[in-house]
């Protein structure tokens, strides 16, 4: 079955950086749009950023524009989220999502905590 495995989360101080990775298996990775979502306690899950199957970054949340970048390596079946200038409000569980038309797959998430 399809697996999306996120990694790279952790505890970081405000202003710091993290790079999240999501490794996909058992799907034709290059056909899928890949996205990162996040969910903070007591809040709804929100879209952070998307990279299309053709490698175009899009759909950045206003709160992360200029600070986060998304990229993918189709040879490694992996999508990345580079997060810079992190703020306490970026604290959340970050999820990887793969989408092809109406087909969606989700990872289990990786926790990001921004705190001094």
C-alpha atoms as a PDB file:
ATOM      1  CA  UNK A   1       0.000   0.000   0.000  1.00  0.00           C
ATOM      2  CA  UNK A   2       1.006   3.603  -0.473  1.00  0.00           C
ATOM      3  CA  UNK A   3       3.154   5.066   2.261  1.00  0.00           C
ATOM      4  CA  UNK A   4       4.095   8.657   2.976  1.00  0.00           C
ATOM      5  CA  UNK A   5       6.655   8.984   5.749  1.00  0.00           C
ATOM      6  CA  UNK A   6       7.468  12.419   7.117  1.00  0.00           C
ATOM      7  CA  UNK A   7      10.652  13.258   8.980  1.00  0.00           C
ATOM      8  CA  UNK A   8      12.681  16.245  10.082  1.00  0.00           C
ATOM      9  CA  UNK A   9      10.425  17.712  12.718  1.00  0.00           C
ATOM     10  CA  UNK A  10      11.591  18.721  16.156  1.00  0.00           C
ATOM     11  CA  UNK A  11      12.054  21.518  18.616  1.00  0.00           C
ATOM     12  CA  UNK A  12      13.592  24.725  17.307  1.00  0.00           C
ATOM     13  CA  UNK A  13      14.011  28.222  18.668  1.00  0.00           C
ATOM     14  CA  UNK A  14      12.196  31.178  17.117  1.00  0.00           C
ATOM     15  CA  UNK A  15      14.092  32.382  14.086  1.00  0.00           C
ATOM     16  CA  UNK A  16      15.521  28.952  13.421  1.00  0.00           C
ATOM     17  CA  UNK A  17      15.132  26.620  10.475  1.00  0.00           C
ATOM     18  CA  UNK A  18      14.019  23.089   9.799  1.00  0.00           C
ATOM     19  CA  UNK A  19      13.711  20.989   6.690  1.00  0.00           C
ATOM     20  CA  UNK A  20      10.936  18.458   6.563  1.00  0.00           C
ATOM     21  CA  UNK A  21      11.070  15.474   4.245  1.00  0.00           C
ATOM     22  CA  UNK A  22       8.329  13.174   3.028  1.00  0.00           C
ATOM     23  CA  UNK A  23       9.359   9.933   1.409  1.00  0.00           C
ATOM     24  CA  UNK A  24       6.724   8.244  -0.728  1.00  0.00           C
ATOM     25  CA  UNK A  25       6.543   4.618  -1.725  1.00  0.00           C
ATOM     26  CA  UNK A  26       4.303   2.407  -3.821  1.00  0.00           C
ATOM     27  CA  UNK A  27       2.947   5.190  -5.988  1.00  0.00           C
ATOM     28  CA  UNK A  28       4.004   6.789  -9.246  1.00  0.00           C
ATOM     29  CA  UNK A  29       5.418   9.780  -7.442  1.00  0.00           C
ATOM     30  CA  UNK A  30       5.978  11.980 -10.469  1.00  0.00           C
ATOM     31  CA  UNK A  31       2.281  11.923 -11.313  1.00  0.00           C
ATOM     32  CA  UNK A  32       1.165  13.388  -8.004  1.00  0.00           C
ATOM     33  CA  UNK A  33       0.831  16.929  -6.745  1.00  0.00           C
ATOM     34  CA  UNK A  34       2.456  16.981  -3.325  1.00  0.00           C
ATOM     35  CA  UNK A  35       1.461  19.235  -0.470  1.00  0.00           C
ATOM     36  CA  UNK A  36       2.296  19.994   3.096  1.00  0.00           C
ATOM     37  CA  UNK A  37      -0.488  20.672   5.566  1.00  0.00           C
ATOM     38  CA  UNK A  38      -0.316  21.482   9.252  1.00  0.00           C
ATOM     39  CA  UNK A  39      -2.629  21.297  12.199  1.00  0.00           C
ATOM     40  CA  UNK A  40      -2.114  23.106  15.459  1.00  0.00           C
ATOM     41  CA  UNK A  41      -3.930  22.078  18.649  1.00  0.00           C
ATOM     42  CA  UNK A  42      -7.518  23.260  18.580  1.00  0.00           C
ATOM     43  CA  UNK A  43      -7.285  24.453  14.988  1.00  0.00           C
ATOM     44  CA  UNK A  44      -8.309  23.061  11.627  1.00  0.00           C
ATOM     45  CA  UNK A  45      -5.796  21.499   9.299  1.00  0.00           C
ATOM     46  CA  UNK A  46      -4.498  24.094   6.858  1.00  0.00           C
ATOM     47  CA  UNK A  47      -2.665  23.915   3.580  1.00  0.00           C
ATOM     48  CA  UNK A  48       0.904  25.182   3.858  1.00  0.00           C
ATOM     49  CA  UNK A  49       2.203  24.720   0.312  1.00  0.00           C
ATOM     50  CA  UNK A  50       1.875  22.588  -2.804  1.00  0.00           C
ATOM     51  CA  UNK A  51       4.271  21.559  -5.528  1.00  0.00           C
ATOM     52  CA  UNK A  52       2.673  20.309  -8.696  1.00  0.00           C
ATOM     53  CA  UNK A  53       3.598  17.133 -10.496  1.00  0.00           C
ATOM     54  CA  UNK A  54       5.544  19.321 -12.919  1.00  0.00           C
ATOM     55  CA  UNK A  55       7.526  20.932 -10.109  1.00  0.00           C
ATOM     56  CA  UNK A  56       5.750  24.267  -9.769  1.00  0.00           C
ATOM     57  CA  UNK A  57       5.441  25.541  -6.189  1.00  0.00           C
ATOM     58  CA  UNK A  58       2.047  27.025  -5.462  1.00  0.00           C
ATOM     59  CA  UNK A  59      -0.696  27.547  -2.866  1.00  0.00           C
ATOM     60  CA  UNK A  60       1.520  28.978  -0.156  1.00  0.00           C
ATOM     61  CA  UNK A  61      -0.351  30.012   2.970  1.00  0.00           C
ATOM     62  CA  UNK A  62      -0.067  33.755   3.489  1.00  0.00           C
ATOM     63  CA  UNK A  63       1.503  33.159   6.878  1.00  0.00           C
ATOM     64  CA  UNK A  64       4.487  31.307   5.389  1.00  0.00           C
ATOM     65  CA  UNK A  65       5.146  33.240   2.196  1.00  0.00           C
ATOM     66  CA  UNK A  66       8.752  34.368   2.000  1.00  0.00           C
ATOM     67  CA  UNK A  67       9.796  31.981   4.766  1.00  0.00           C
ATOM     68  CA  UNK A  68       8.959  28.475   3.516  1.00  0.00           C
ATOM     69  CA  UNK A  69       9.895  26.799   0.269  1.00  0.00           C
ATOM     70  CA  UNK A  70       8.728  23.496  -1.156  1.00  0.00           C
ATOM     71  CA  UNK A  71      10.660  21.262  -3.500  1.00  0.00           C
ATOM     72  CA  UNK A  72      10.667  17.711  -4.759  1.00  0.00           C
ATOM     73  CA  UNK A  73      13.141  15.126  -5.962  1.00  0.00           C
ATOM     74  CA  UNK A  74      11.354  12.675  -8.203  1.00  0.00           C
ATOM     75  CA  UNK A  75      14.389  10.404  -8.360  1.00  0.00           C
ATOM     76  CA  UNK A  76      14.119   9.951  -4.595  1.00  0.00           C
ATOM     77  CA  UNK A  77      10.301  10.028  -4.402  1.00  0.00           C
ATOM     78  CA  UNK A  78      10.656  12.759  -1.819  1.00  0.00           C
ATOM     79  CA  UNK A  79       9.137  16.165  -1.204  1.00  0.00           C
ATOM     80  CA  UNK A  80      10.726  18.737   1.079  1.00  0.00           C
ATOM     81  CA  UNK A  81       9.563  21.728   3.066  1.00  0.00           C
ATOM     82  CA  UNK A  82      12.308  24.169   3.983  1.00  0.00           C
ATOM     83  CA  UNK A  83      11.137  26.335   6.845  1.00  0.00           C
ATOM     84  CA  UNK A  84      13.106  29.439   7.756  1.00  0.00           C
ATOM     85  CA  UNK A  85      12.542  32.245  10.249  1.00  0.00           C
ATOM     86  CA  UNK A  86      10.295  29.997  12.262  1.00  0.00           C
ATOM     87  CA  UNK A  87       7.784  31.515  14.636  1.00  0.00           C
ATOM     88  CA  UNK A  88       5.957  30.061  17.643  1.00  0.00           C
ATOM     89  CA  UNK A  89       2.760  30.140  15.592  1.00  0.00           C
ATOM     90  CA  UNK A  90       4.331  27.651  13.180  1.00  0.00           C
ATOM     91  CA  UNK A  91       4.074  25.029  15.914  1.00  0.00           C
ATOM     92  CA  UNK A  92       1.929  22.217  14.559  1.00  0.00           C
ATOM     93  CA  UNK A  93       1.814  18.664  13.329  1.00  0.00           C
ATOM     94  CA  UNK A  94       2.920  18.781   9.704  1.00  0.00           C
ATOM     95  CA  UNK A  95       1.435  16.322   7.236  1.00  0.00           C
ATOM     96  CA  UNK A  96       2.450  15.290   3.764  1.00  0.00           C
ATOM     97  CA  UNK A  97      -0.266  14.794   1.164  1.00  0.00           C
ATOM     98  CA  UNK A  98      -0.201  13.243  -2.304  1.00  0.00           C
ATOM     99  CA  UNK A  99      -3.027  14.051  -4.714  1.00  0.00           C
ATOM    100  CA  UNK A 100      -3.908  12.801  -8.171  1.00  0.00           C
ATOM    101  CA  UNK A 101      -7.369  13.881  -9.303  1.00  0.00           C
ATOM    102  CA  UNK A 102      -9.665  12.531  -6.556  1.00  0.00           C
ATOM    103  CA  UNK A 103      -7.058  10.205  -5.046  1.00  0.00           C
ATOM    104  CA  UNK A 104      -5.438  11.447  -1.836  1.00  0.00           C
ATOM    105  CA  UNK A 105      -2.919   9.896   0.479  1.00  0.00           C
ATOM    106  CA  UNK A 106      -1.742  11.208   3.830  1.00  0.00           C
ATOM    107  CA  UNK A 107       1.270  10.631   5.991  1.00  0.00           C
ATOM    108  CA  UNK A 108       1.200  10.281   9.763  1.00  0.00           C
ATOM    109  CA  UNK A 109       2.740  13.667  10.409  1.00  0.00           C
ATOM    110  CA  UNK A 110       5.838  15.084  12.035  1.00  0.00           C
ATOM    111  CA  UNK A 111       5.730  17.476  14.973  1.00  0.00           C
ATOM    112  CA  UNK A 112       7.298  20.909  14.723  1.00  0.00           C
ATOM    113  CA  UNK A 113       7.595  22.930  17.914  1.00  0.00           C
ATOM    114  CA  UNK A 114       8.953  26.464  17.869  1.00  0.00           C
ATOM    115  CA  UNK A 115       9.772  27.649  21.335  1.00  0.00           C
ATOM    116  CA  UNK A 116      12.519  29.289  23.307  1.00  0.00           C
END
